Amino acid sequence: MSATVSLKVPSPHGPQPVTVSYARVGNGEPLLLLHGIGHHRQAWDPVVDILAAERDVIAVDLPGFGASPGLPDGLAYDLPTTTAVFAAFCEALELDRPHVAGNSLGGLLALELGRERLVRSVTALSPAGFWSEAERRYAFAVLLAMRRISRRLPLPLVERLSRSAAGRTMLTSTIYARPARRPAEAVVAETVALAGATGFDATLLAGAAVRFADDVPGLPVTVAWGTRDVLLPRRQGVRAKQIIPRARLVRLPGCGHCPMNDDPALVARVILDGSR
């Protein structure tokens, strides 16, 4: 079920109002799902029904993405602010240390929530923040190019391209290893979401200085990486394992940067295993 919640987030100028859009389905222990930059909560659609058989699944739109409005003036799109937003979100929904799974930017945020002891387990799929400077520059250049293309393509052209496997490949092969599997309507929706993401530029700017350099002790952590991730190469997973030595490092064969679409059953199993 889709809903919104209004929060108060601390800032140097006093509490600021933030609205977060989310969808909730299933039963069991709560599981928070966090998407990557430029995406929206529907990125998780291929795995939600599988997860909902065992978990109370809450898929959210990050502030300034999807259906969630941007942050008010006075709040930065940085890691501390976004962590504070989701601490307030969990409090508002009475989620007592949920499990969390995140992809890309969402994976980085999931690890930070774990480091702050706000969740009970973390599954990070191709998380940001384990890059070299050259790898970060490459990833940001690709993301900026995707953003420019999404904003320049007329909607009728996006709809026409999405009707063919070749067109879906052209639009989404950077993030999916098997883009032809993505439904046409999903490709249209995520292209529109990327073009309209009000938080994109500020989030990317804030991410330029991000390096995840701390362990996440005291709770289960899974880091999973697609073998065909062309945005954040899987060697970054080895760095993540070095920084978080007790983490379970999982290989996702044949999967790209957003593996939920490429192998939903495998990704759901990795998330469920990581949250047990």
C-alpha atoms as a PDB file:
ATOM      1  CA  MET A   1       0.000   0.000   0.000  1.00  0.00           C
ATOM      2  CA  SER A   2       1.382   3.408  -0.994  1.00  0.00           C
ATOM      3  CA  ALA A   3       1.478   6.154   1.635  1.00  0.00           C
ATOM      4  CA  THR A   4       3.409   9.203   2.833  1.00  0.00           C
ATOM      5  CA  VAL A   5       4.668  10.211   6.262  1.00  0.00           C
ATOM      6  CA  SER A   6       5.692  13.666   7.495  1.00  0.00           C
ATOM      7  CA  LEU A   7       8.767  13.903   9.694  1.00  0.00           C
ATOM      8  CA  LYS A   8      10.724  16.478  11.663  1.00  0.00           C
ATOM      9  CA  VAL A   9      14.471  16.260  11.054  1.00  0.00           C
ATOM     10  CA  PRO A  10      17.009  18.137  13.196  1.00  0.00           C
ATOM     11  CA  SER A  11      19.050  20.902  11.562  1.00  0.00           C
ATOM     12  CA  PRO A  12      21.237  23.798  12.769  1.00  0.00           C
ATOM     13  CA  HIS A  13      18.191  26.039  12.268  1.00  0.00           C
ATOM     14  CA  GLY A  14      15.789  23.840  14.215  1.00  0.00           C
ATOM     15  CA  PRO A  15      13.612  20.888  13.182  1.00  0.00           C
ATOM     16  CA  GLN A  16      12.769  20.826   9.470  1.00  0.00           C
ATOM     17  CA  PRO A  17       9.728  19.132   7.869  1.00  0.00           C
ATOM     18  CA  VAL A  18      10.425  16.234   5.501  1.00  0.00           C
ATOM     19  CA  THR A  19       7.903  14.073   3.653  1.00  0.00           C
ATOM     20  CA  VAL A  20       8.752  10.533   2.591  1.00  0.00           C
ATOM     21  CA  SER A  21       6.703   8.373   0.218  1.00  0.00           C
ATOM     22  CA  TYR A  22       6.713   4.615   0.695  1.00  0.00           C
ATOM     23  CA  ALA A  23       4.873   1.392  -0.078  1.00  0.00           C
ATOM     24  CA  ARG A  24       4.308  -1.336   2.485  1.00  0.00           C
ATOM     25  CA  VAL A  25       3.282  -4.972   2.019  1.00  0.00           C
ATOM     26  CA  GLY A  26       3.706  -8.355   3.696  1.00  0.00           C
ATOM     27  CA  ASN A  27       4.014  -9.765   7.188  1.00  0.00           C
ATOM     28  CA  GLY A  28       6.884 -10.643   9.484  1.00  0.00           C
ATOM     29  CA  GLU A  29       9.900  -8.752  10.739  1.00  0.00           C
ATOM     30  CA  PRO A  30      10.200  -5.299   9.122  1.00  0.00           C
ATOM     31  CA  LEU A  31      12.532  -4.911   6.125  1.00  0.00           C
ATOM     32  CA  LEU A  32      13.384  -1.468   4.753  1.00  0.00           C
ATOM     33  CA  LEU A  33      14.359  -1.229   1.055  1.00  0.00           C
ATOM     34  CA  LEU A  34      16.453   1.722  -0.185  1.00  0.00           C
ATOM     35  CA  HIS A  35      17.058   2.458  -3.880  1.00  0.00           C
ATOM     36  CA  GLY A  36      19.992   4.116  -5.637  1.00  0.00           C
ATOM     37  CA  ILE A  37      20.537   7.634  -6.975  1.00  0.00           C
ATOM     38  CA  GLY A  38      18.142   8.643  -9.736  1.00  0.00           C
ATOM     39  CA  HIS A  39      15.961   5.595  -9.181  1.00  0.00           C
ATOM     40  CA  HIS A  40      12.729   5.132  -7.228  1.00  0.00           C
ATOM     41  CA  ARG A  41      11.214   2.525  -4.942  1.00  0.00           C
ATOM     42  CA  GLN A  42       9.787   0.593  -7.905  1.00  0.00           C
ATOM     43  CA  ALA A  43      13.334  -0.635  -8.562  1.00  0.00           C
ATOM     44  CA  TRP A  44      12.501  -3.267  -5.936  1.00  0.00           C
ATOM     45  CA  ASP A  45       9.283  -4.464  -7.603  1.00  0.00           C
ATOM     46  CA  PRO A  46      10.816  -7.677  -9.014  1.00  0.00           C
ATOM     47  CA  VAL A  47      11.629  -8.942  -5.488  1.00  0.00           C
ATOM     48  CA  VAL A  48       8.945  -7.362  -3.280  1.00  0.00           C
ATOM     49  CA  ASP A  49       6.383 -10.162  -3.535  1.00  0.00           C
ATOM     50  CA  ILE A  50       9.007 -12.803  -2.758  1.00  0.00           C
ATOM     51  CA  LEU A  51      10.256 -10.846   0.256  1.00  0.00           C
ATOM     52  CA  ALA A  52       6.721 -10.061   1.462  1.00  0.00           C
ATOM     53  CA  ALA A  53       6.040 -13.765   2.005  1.00  0.00           C
ATOM     54  CA  GLU A  54       8.415 -13.600   5.003  1.00  0.00           C
ATOM     55  CA  ARG A  55       8.870  -9.900   5.805  1.00  0.00           C
ATOM     56  CA  ASP A  56       6.920  -6.698   6.417  1.00  0.00           C
ATOM     57  CA  VAL A  57       8.445  -4.904   3.428  1.00  0.00           C
ATOM     58  CA  ILE A  58       8.701  -1.101   3.371  1.00  0.00           C
ATOM     59  CA  ALA A  59      10.090   0.258   0.088  1.00  0.00           C
ATOM     60  CA  VAL A  60      10.788   3.990   0.217  1.00  0.00           C
ATOM     61  CA  ASP A  61      11.521   6.836  -2.154  1.00  0.00           C
ATOM     62  CA  LEU A  62      14.592   8.701  -0.908  1.00  0.00           C
ATOM     63  CA  PRO A  63      14.068  12.467  -0.414  1.00  0.00           C
ATOM     64  CA  GLY A  64      14.096  14.198  -3.785  1.00  0.00           C
ATOM     65  CA  PHE A  65      13.506  10.959  -5.714  1.00  0.00           C
ATOM     66  CA  GLY A  66      10.413   9.154  -6.919  1.00  0.00           C
ATOM     67  CA  ALA A  67       7.312  10.482  -5.187  1.00  0.00           C
ATOM     68  CA  SER A  68       9.196  11.949  -2.205  1.00  0.00           C
ATOM     69  CA  PRO A  69       9.562  15.765  -2.311  1.00  0.00           C
ATOM     70  CA  GLY A  70      12.992  17.315  -2.070  1.00  0.00           C
ATOM     71  CA  LEU A  71      14.535  18.364   1.214  1.00  0.00           C
ATOM     72  CA  PRO A  72      13.712  21.858   2.510  1.00  0.00           C
ATOM     73  CA  ASP A  73      16.290  24.638   2.472  1.00  0.00           C
ATOM     74  CA  GLY A  74      18.695  24.158   5.341  1.00  0.00           C
ATOM     75  CA  LEU A  75      19.020  20.377   4.953  1.00  0.00           C
ATOM     76  CA  ALA A  76      21.862  18.957   2.876  1.00  0.00           C
ATOM     77  CA  TYR A  77      21.614  15.848   0.726  1.00  0.00           C
ATOM     78  CA  ASP A  78      24.465  14.237   2.605  1.00  0.00           C
ATOM     79  CA  LEU A  79      24.854  11.001   4.521  1.00  0.00           C
ATOM     80  CA  PRO A  80      24.265  12.420   8.031  1.00  0.00           C
ATOM     81  CA  THR A  81      21.044  14.139   6.949  1.00  0.00           C
ATOM     82  CA  THR A  82      19.681  11.125   5.088  1.00  0.00           C
ATOM     83  CA  THR A  83      20.538   8.900   8.052  1.00  0.00           C
ATOM     84  CA  ALA A  84      18.616  11.299  10.307  1.00  0.00           C
ATOM     85  CA  VAL A  85      15.657  11.200   7.906  1.00  0.00           C
ATOM     86  CA  PHE A  86      15.447   7.431   8.122  1.00  0.00           C
ATOM     87  CA  ALA A  87      15.949   7.385  11.874  1.00  0.00           C
ATOM     88  CA  ALA A  88      12.902   9.673  12.071  1.00  0.00           C
ATOM     89  CA  PHE A  89      11.086   7.553   9.474  1.00  0.00           C
ATOM     90  CA  CYS A  90      11.562   4.371  11.516  1.00  0.00           C
ATOM     91  CA  GLU A  91      10.397   6.167  14.650  1.00  0.00           C
ATOM     92  CA  ALA A  92       7.289   7.516  12.903  1.00  0.00           C
ATOM     93  CA  LEU A  93       6.332   4.063  11.598  1.00  0.00           C
ATOM     94  CA  GLU A  94       7.253   2.424  14.924  1.00  0.00           C
ATOM     95  CA  LEU A  95       9.838   0.205  13.244  1.00  0.00           C
ATOM     96  CA  ASP A  96      12.045  -1.156  15.997  1.00  0.00           C
ATOM     97  CA  ARG A  97      15.441  -1.601  14.324  1.00  0.00           C
ATOM     98  CA  PRO A  98      14.241  -3.067  11.019  1.00  0.00           C
ATOM     99  CA  HIS A  99      16.354  -5.123   8.684  1.00  0.00           C
ATOM    100  CA  VAL A 100      17.547  -3.000   5.775  1.00  0.00           C
ATOM    101  CA  ALA A 101      18.592  -3.751   2.209  1.00  0.00           C
ATOM    102  CA  GLY A 102      19.918  -1.098  -0.136  1.00  0.00           C
ATOM    103  CA  ASN A 103      21.272  -0.816  -3.654  1.00  0.00           C
ATOM    104  CA  SER A 104      24.046   1.578  -4.752  1.00  0.00           C
ATOM    105  CA  LEU A 105      23.431   4.841  -2.832  1.00  0.00           C
ATOM    106  CA  GLY A 106      20.833   2.906  -0.858  1.00  0.00           C
ATOM    107  CA  GLY A 107      23.461   0.292  -0.004  1.00  0.00           C
ATOM    108  CA  LEU A 108      25.779   2.974   1.340  1.00  0.00           C
ATOM    109  CA  LEU A 109      22.919   4.396   3.397  1.00  0.00           C
ATOM    110  CA  ALA A 110      22.019   0.911   4.656  1.00  0.00           C
ATOM    111  CA  LEU A 111      25.594   0.417   5.887  1.00  0.00           C
ATOM    112  CA  GLU A 112      25.538   3.815   7.604  1.00  0.00           C
ATOM    113  CA  LEU A 113      22.257   2.922   9.338  1.00  0.00           C
ATOM    114  CA  GLY A 114      23.980  -0.268  10.478  1.00  0.00           C
ATOM    115  CA  ARG A 115      27.035   1.622  11.715  1.00  0.00           C
ATOM    116  CA  GLU A 116      24.690   3.860  13.725  1.00  0.00           C
ATOM    117  CA  ARG A 117      23.008   0.743  15.190  1.00  0.00           C
ATOM    118  CA  LEU A 118      19.600   1.800  13.845  1.00  0.00           C
ATOM    119  CA  VAL A 119      18.904  -1.545  12.137  1.00  0.00           C
ATOM    120  CA  ARG A 120      19.289  -5.210  13.021  1.00  0.00           C
ATOM    121  CA  SER A 121      20.893  -6.452   9.774  1.00  0.00           C
ATOM    122  CA  VAL A 122      22.242  -4.955   6.546  1.00  0.00           C
ATOM    123  CA  THR A 123      22.251  -6.264   2.994  1.00  0.00           C
ATOM    124  CA  ALA A 124      24.088  -3.933   0.600  1.00  0.00           C
ATOM    125  CA  LEU A 125      23.856  -4.592  -3.142  1.00  0.00           C
ATOM    126  CA  SER A 126      26.708  -2.893  -5.046  1.00  0.00           C
ATOM    127  CA  PRO A 127      26.964  -0.166  -2.385  1.00  0.00           C
ATOM    128  CA  ALA A 128      28.525   3.191  -3.198  1.00  0.00           C
ATOM    129  CA  GLY A 129      31.524   4.473  -1.269  1.00  0.00           C
ATOM    130  CA  PHE A 130      34.123   1.736  -1.847  1.00  0.00           C
ATOM    131  CA  TRP A 131      35.534   3.287  -5.004  1.00  0.00           C
ATOM    132  CA  SER A 132      38.928   4.665  -5.907  1.00  0.00           C
ATOM    133  CA  GLU A 133      38.922   8.293  -7.031  1.00  0.00           C
ATOM    134  CA  ALA A 134      39.195   7.218 -10.681  1.00  0.00           C
ATOM    135  CA  GLU A 135      36.298   4.793 -10.261  1.00  0.00           C
ATOM    136  CA  ARG A 136      34.183   7.479  -8.595  1.00  0.00           C
ATOM    137  CA  ARG A 137      34.840   9.956 -11.411  1.00  0.00           C
ATOM    138  CA  TYR A 138      33.892   7.333 -13.989  1.00  0.00           C
ATOM    139  CA  ALA A 139      30.668   6.379 -12.167  1.00  0.00           C
ATOM    140  CA  PHE A 140      29.650  10.011 -11.709  1.00  0.00           C
ATOM    141  CA  ALA A 141      30.315  10.773 -15.382  1.00  0.00           C
ATOM    142  CA  VAL A 142      28.104   7.847 -16.411  1.00  0.00           C
ATOM    143  CA  LEU A 143      25.340   8.928 -14.022  1.00  0.00           C
ATOM    144  CA  LEU A 144      25.455  12.506 -15.298  1.00  0.00           C
ATOM    145  CA  ALA A 145      25.261  11.267 -18.889  1.00  0.00           C
ATOM    146  CA  MET A 146      22.239   9.101 -18.014  1.00  0.00           C
ATOM    147  CA  ARG A 147      20.600  12.087 -16.366  1.00  0.00           C
ATOM    148  CA  ARG A 148      21.206  14.348 -19.381  1.00  0.00           C
ATOM    149  CA  ILE A 149      19.818  11.763 -21.787  1.00  0.00           C
ATOM    150  CA  SER A 150      16.712  11.165 -19.666  1.00  0.00           C
ATOM    151  CA  ARG A 151      15.967  14.893 -19.584  1.00  0.00           C
ATOM    152  CA  ARG A 152      16.450  15.387 -23.313  1.00  0.00           C
ATOM    153  CA  LEU A 153      14.419  12.431 -24.577  1.00  0.00           C
ATOM    154  CA  PRO A 154      10.770  13.315 -25.290  1.00  0.00           C
ATOM    155  CA  LEU A 155       8.323  11.051 -23.477  1.00  0.00           C
ATOM    156  CA  PRO A 156       6.786   9.662 -26.719  1.00  0.00           C
ATOM    157  CA  LEU A 157      10.278   8.590 -27.833  1.00  0.00           C
ATOM    158  CA  VAL A 158      10.977   6.902 -24.480  1.00  0.00           C
ATOM    159  CA  GLU A 159       7.662   5.055 -24.747  1.00  0.00           C
ATOM    160  CA  ARG A 160       8.430   3.954 -28.294  1.00  0.00           C
ATOM    161  CA  LEU A 161      11.946   2.762 -27.408  1.00  0.00           C
ATOM    162  CA  SER A 162      10.698   0.844 -24.379  1.00  0.00           C
ATOM    163  CA  ARG A 163       8.464  -1.352 -26.548  1.00  0.00           C
ATOM    164  CA  SER A 164      11.432  -3.249 -27.987  1.00  0.00           C
ATOM    165  CA  ALA A 165      14.202  -5.227 -26.309  1.00  0.00           C
ATOM    166  CA  ALA A 166      16.775  -3.197 -28.247  1.00  0.00           C
ATOM    167  CA  GLY A 167      15.240   0.060 -27.024  1.00  0.00           C
ATOM    168  CA  ARG A 168      15.127  -1.089 -23.407  1.00  0.00           C
ATOM    169  CA  THR A 169      18.758  -2.129 -23.741  1.00  0.00           C
ATOM    170  CA  MET A 170      19.697   1.302 -25.043  1.00  0.00           C
ATOM    171  CA  LEU A 171      17.909   3.014 -22.151  1.00  0.00           C
ATOM    172  CA  THR A 172      18.937   0.798 -19.220  1.00  0.00           C
ATOM    173  CA  SER A 173      21.955  -1.394 -20.038  1.00  0.00           C
ATOM    174  CA  THR A 174      24.159   0.697 -17.753  1.00  0.00           C
ATOM    175  CA  ILE A 175      22.328  -0.572 -14.683  1.00  0.00           C
ATOM    176  CA  TYR A 176      20.871  -3.914 -15.833  1.00  0.00           C
ATOM    177  CA  ALA A 177      22.776  -6.867 -17.255  1.00  0.00           C
ATOM    178  CA  ARG A 178      19.493  -8.199 -18.676  1.00  0.00           C
ATOM    179  CA  PRO A 179      17.621  -5.043 -19.672  1.00  0.00           C
ATOM    180  CA  ALA A 180      15.262  -6.863 -22.032  1.00  0.00           C
ATOM    181  CA  ARG A 181      13.666  -8.464 -18.969  1.00  0.00           C
ATOM    182  CA  ARG A 182      12.551  -5.092 -17.632  1.00  0.00           C
ATOM    183  CA  PRO A 183       8.885  -4.380 -18.463  1.00  0.00           C
ATOM    184  CA  ALA A 184       8.325  -1.528 -20.907  1.00  0.00           C
ATOM    185  CA  GLU A 185       6.215   0.471 -18.450  1.00  0.00           C
ATOM    186  CA  ALA A 186       8.919   0.142 -15.782  1.00  0.00           C
ATOM    187  CA  VAL A 187      11.580   1.467 -18.167  1.00  0.00           C
ATOM    188  CA  VAL A 188       9.399   4.459 -19.012  1.00  0.00           C
ATOM    189  CA  ALA A 189       8.671   5.148 -15.331  1.00  0.00           C
ATOM    190  CA  GLU A 190      12.302   4.994 -14.220  1.00  0.00           C
ATOM    191  CA  THR A 191      13.467   7.162 -17.131  1.00  0.00           C
ATOM    192  CA  VAL A 192      10.879   9.758 -16.107  1.00  0.00           C
ATOM    193  CA  ALA A 193      11.918   9.378 -12.450  1.00  0.00           C
ATOM    194  CA  LEU A 194      15.578   9.995 -13.312  1.00  0.00           C
ATOM    195  CA  ALA A 195      14.710  13.078 -15.361  1.00  0.00           C
ATOM    196  CA  GLY A 196      12.522  14.523 -12.603  1.00  0.00           C
ATOM    197  CA  ALA A 197      14.644  13.685  -9.545  1.00  0.00           C
ATOM    198  CA  THR A 198      14.940  17.013  -7.727  1.00  0.00           C
ATOM    199  CA  GLY A 199      17.570  15.640  -5.372  1.00  0.00           C
ATOM    200  CA  PHE A 200      19.879  14.227  -8.033  1.00  0.00           C
ATOM    201  CA  ASP A 201      22.407  17.041  -8.456  1.00  0.00           C
ATOM    202  CA  ALA A 202      22.790  17.832  -4.759  1.00  0.00           C
ATOM    203  CA  THR A 203      23.053  14.141  -3.847  1.00  0.00           C
ATOM    204  CA  LEU A 204      25.739  13.544  -6.464  1.00  0.00           C
ATOM    205  CA  LEU A 205      27.656  16.608  -5.307  1.00  0.00           C
ATOM    206  CA  ALA A 206      27.529  15.460  -1.677  1.00  0.00           C
ATOM    207  CA  GLY A 207      28.692  11.991  -2.710  1.00  0.00           C
ATOM    208  CA  ALA A 208      31.941  13.253  -4.201  1.00  0.00           C
ATOM    209  CA  ALA A 209      33.630  13.211  -0.804  1.00  0.00           C
ATOM    210  CA  VAL A 210      32.088   9.962   0.460  1.00  0.00           C
ATOM    211  CA  ARG A 211      34.291   7.006   1.340  1.00  0.00           C
ATOM    212  CA  PHE A 212      32.944   4.284   3.617  1.00  0.00           C
ATOM    213  CA  ALA A 213      35.913   3.592   5.851  1.00  0.00           C
ATOM    214  CA  ASP A 214      34.459   2.167   9.093  1.00  0.00           C
ATOM    215  CA  ASP A 215      33.539  -1.325  10.225  1.00  0.00           C
ATOM    216  CA  VAL A 216      29.922  -2.213  11.026  1.00  0.00           C
ATOM    217  CA  PRO A 217      30.389  -4.307  14.164  1.00  0.00           C
ATOM    218  CA  GLY A 218      27.794  -6.195  16.132  1.00  0.00           C
ATOM    219  CA  LEU A 219      25.216  -7.071  13.465  1.00  0.00           C
ATOM    220  CA  PRO A 220      24.974  -9.284  10.376  1.00  0.00           C
ATOM    221  CA  VAL A 221      26.188  -7.588   7.176  1.00  0.00           C
ATOM    222  CA  THR A 222      25.941  -8.971   3.649  1.00  0.00           C
ATOM    223  CA  VAL A 223      27.631  -7.252   0.711  1.00  0.00           C
ATOM    224  CA  ALA A 224      26.557  -8.602  -2.691  1.00  0.00           C
ATOM    225  CA  TRP A 225      27.941  -7.634  -6.098  1.00  0.00           C
ATOM    226  CA  GLY A 226      26.834  -8.473  -9.615  1.00  0.00           C
ATOM    227  CA  THR A 227      29.500 -10.023 -11.805  1.00  0.00           C
ATOM    228  CA  ARG A 228      28.354  -7.792 -14.702  1.00  0.00           C
ATOM    229  CA  ASP A 229      28.151  -4.494 -12.823  1.00  0.00           C
ATOM    230  CA  VAL A 230      29.591  -1.927 -15.251  1.00  0.00           C
ATOM    231  CA  LEU A 231      28.916   1.117 -13.070  1.00  0.00           C
ATOM    232  CA  LEU A 232      30.665   0.047  -9.849  1.00  0.00           C
ATOM    233  CA  PRO A 233      32.971  -2.884 -10.741  1.00  0.00           C
ATOM    234  CA  ARG A 234      32.831  -5.882  -8.419  1.00  0.00           C
ATOM    235  CA  ARG A 235      36.447  -5.431  -7.260  1.00  0.00           C
ATOM    236  CA  GLN A 236      34.969  -2.777  -4.981  1.00  0.00           C
ATOM    237  CA  GLY A 237      33.312  -5.619  -3.093  1.00  0.00           C
ATOM    238  CA  VAL A 238      36.754  -6.893  -2.106  1.00  0.00           C
ATOM    239  CA  ARG A 239      37.490  -3.473  -0.601  1.00  0.00           C
ATOM    240  CA  ALA A 240      34.193  -3.591   1.261  1.00  0.00           C
ATOM    241  CA  LYS A 241      35.150  -6.970   2.726  1.00  0.00           C
ATOM    242  CA  GLN A 242      38.514  -5.566   3.847  1.00  0.00           C
ATOM    243  CA  ILE A 243      36.791  -2.654   5.623  1.00  0.00           C
ATOM    244  CA  ILE A 244      33.978  -4.805   7.067  1.00  0.00           C
ATOM    245  CA  PRO A 245      35.879  -8.060   7.664  1.00  0.00           C
ATOM    246  CA  ARG A 246      32.983  -9.990   9.225  1.00  0.00           C
ATOM    247  CA  ALA A 247      30.657  -9.194   6.318  1.00  0.00           C
ATOM    248  CA  ARG A 248      29.387 -11.998   4.097  1.00  0.00           C
ATOM    249  CA  LEU A 249      30.549 -11.212   0.536  1.00  0.00           C
ATOM    250  CA  VAL A 250      28.239 -12.721  -2.086  1.00  0.00           C
ATOM    251  CA  ARG A 251      28.754 -12.999  -5.838  1.00  0.00           C
ATOM    252  CA  LEU A 252      25.680 -12.471  -8.029  1.00  0.00           C
ATOM    253  CA  PRO A 253      26.411 -14.263 -11.326  1.00  0.00           C
ATOM    254  CA  GLY A 254      25.091 -12.572 -14.451  1.00  0.00           C
ATOM    255  CA  CYS A 255      23.747  -9.545 -12.567  1.00  0.00           C
ATOM    256  CA  GLY A 256      24.363  -5.871 -13.206  1.00  0.00           C
ATOM    257  CA  HIS A 257      24.387  -2.838 -10.947  1.00  0.00           C
ATOM    258  CA  CYS A 258      20.691  -3.170 -10.036  1.00  0.00           C
ATOM    259  CA  PRO A 259      20.495  -6.962  -9.670  1.00  0.00           C
ATOM    260  CA  MET A 260      16.868  -7.084  -8.504  1.00  0.00           C
ATOM    261  CA  ASN A 261      15.749  -7.090 -12.139  1.00  0.00           C
ATOM    262  CA  ASP A 262      18.409  -9.478 -13.422  1.00  0.00           C
ATOM    263  CA  ASP A 263      17.843 -12.359 -10.977  1.00  0.00           C
ATOM    264  CA  PRO A 264      14.956 -11.645  -8.577  1.00  0.00           C
ATOM    265  CA  ALA A 265      14.968 -15.097  -6.956  1.00  0.00           C
ATOM    266  CA  LEU A 266      18.692 -14.986  -6.176  1.00  0.00           C
ATOM    267  CA  VAL A 267      18.570 -11.418  -4.833  1.00  0.00           C
ATOM    268  CA  ALA A 268      15.533 -12.175  -2.655  1.00  0.00           C
ATOM    269  CA  ARG A 269      17.275 -15.244  -1.250  1.00  0.00           C
ATOM    270  CA  VAL A 270      20.414 -13.235  -0.456  1.00  0.00           C
ATOM    271  CA  ILE A 271      18.339 -10.573   1.346  1.00  0.00           C
ATOM    272  CA  LEU A 272      16.292 -13.116   3.304  1.00  0.00           C
ATOM    273  CA  ASP A 273      19.383 -15.121   4.265  1.00  0.00           C
ATOM    274  CA  GLY A 274      21.087 -11.903   5.382  1.00  0.00           C
ATOM    275  CA  SER A 275      18.138 -10.924   7.557  1.00  0.00           C
ATOM    276  CA  ARG A 276      17.816 -14.224   9.415  1.00  0.00           C
END
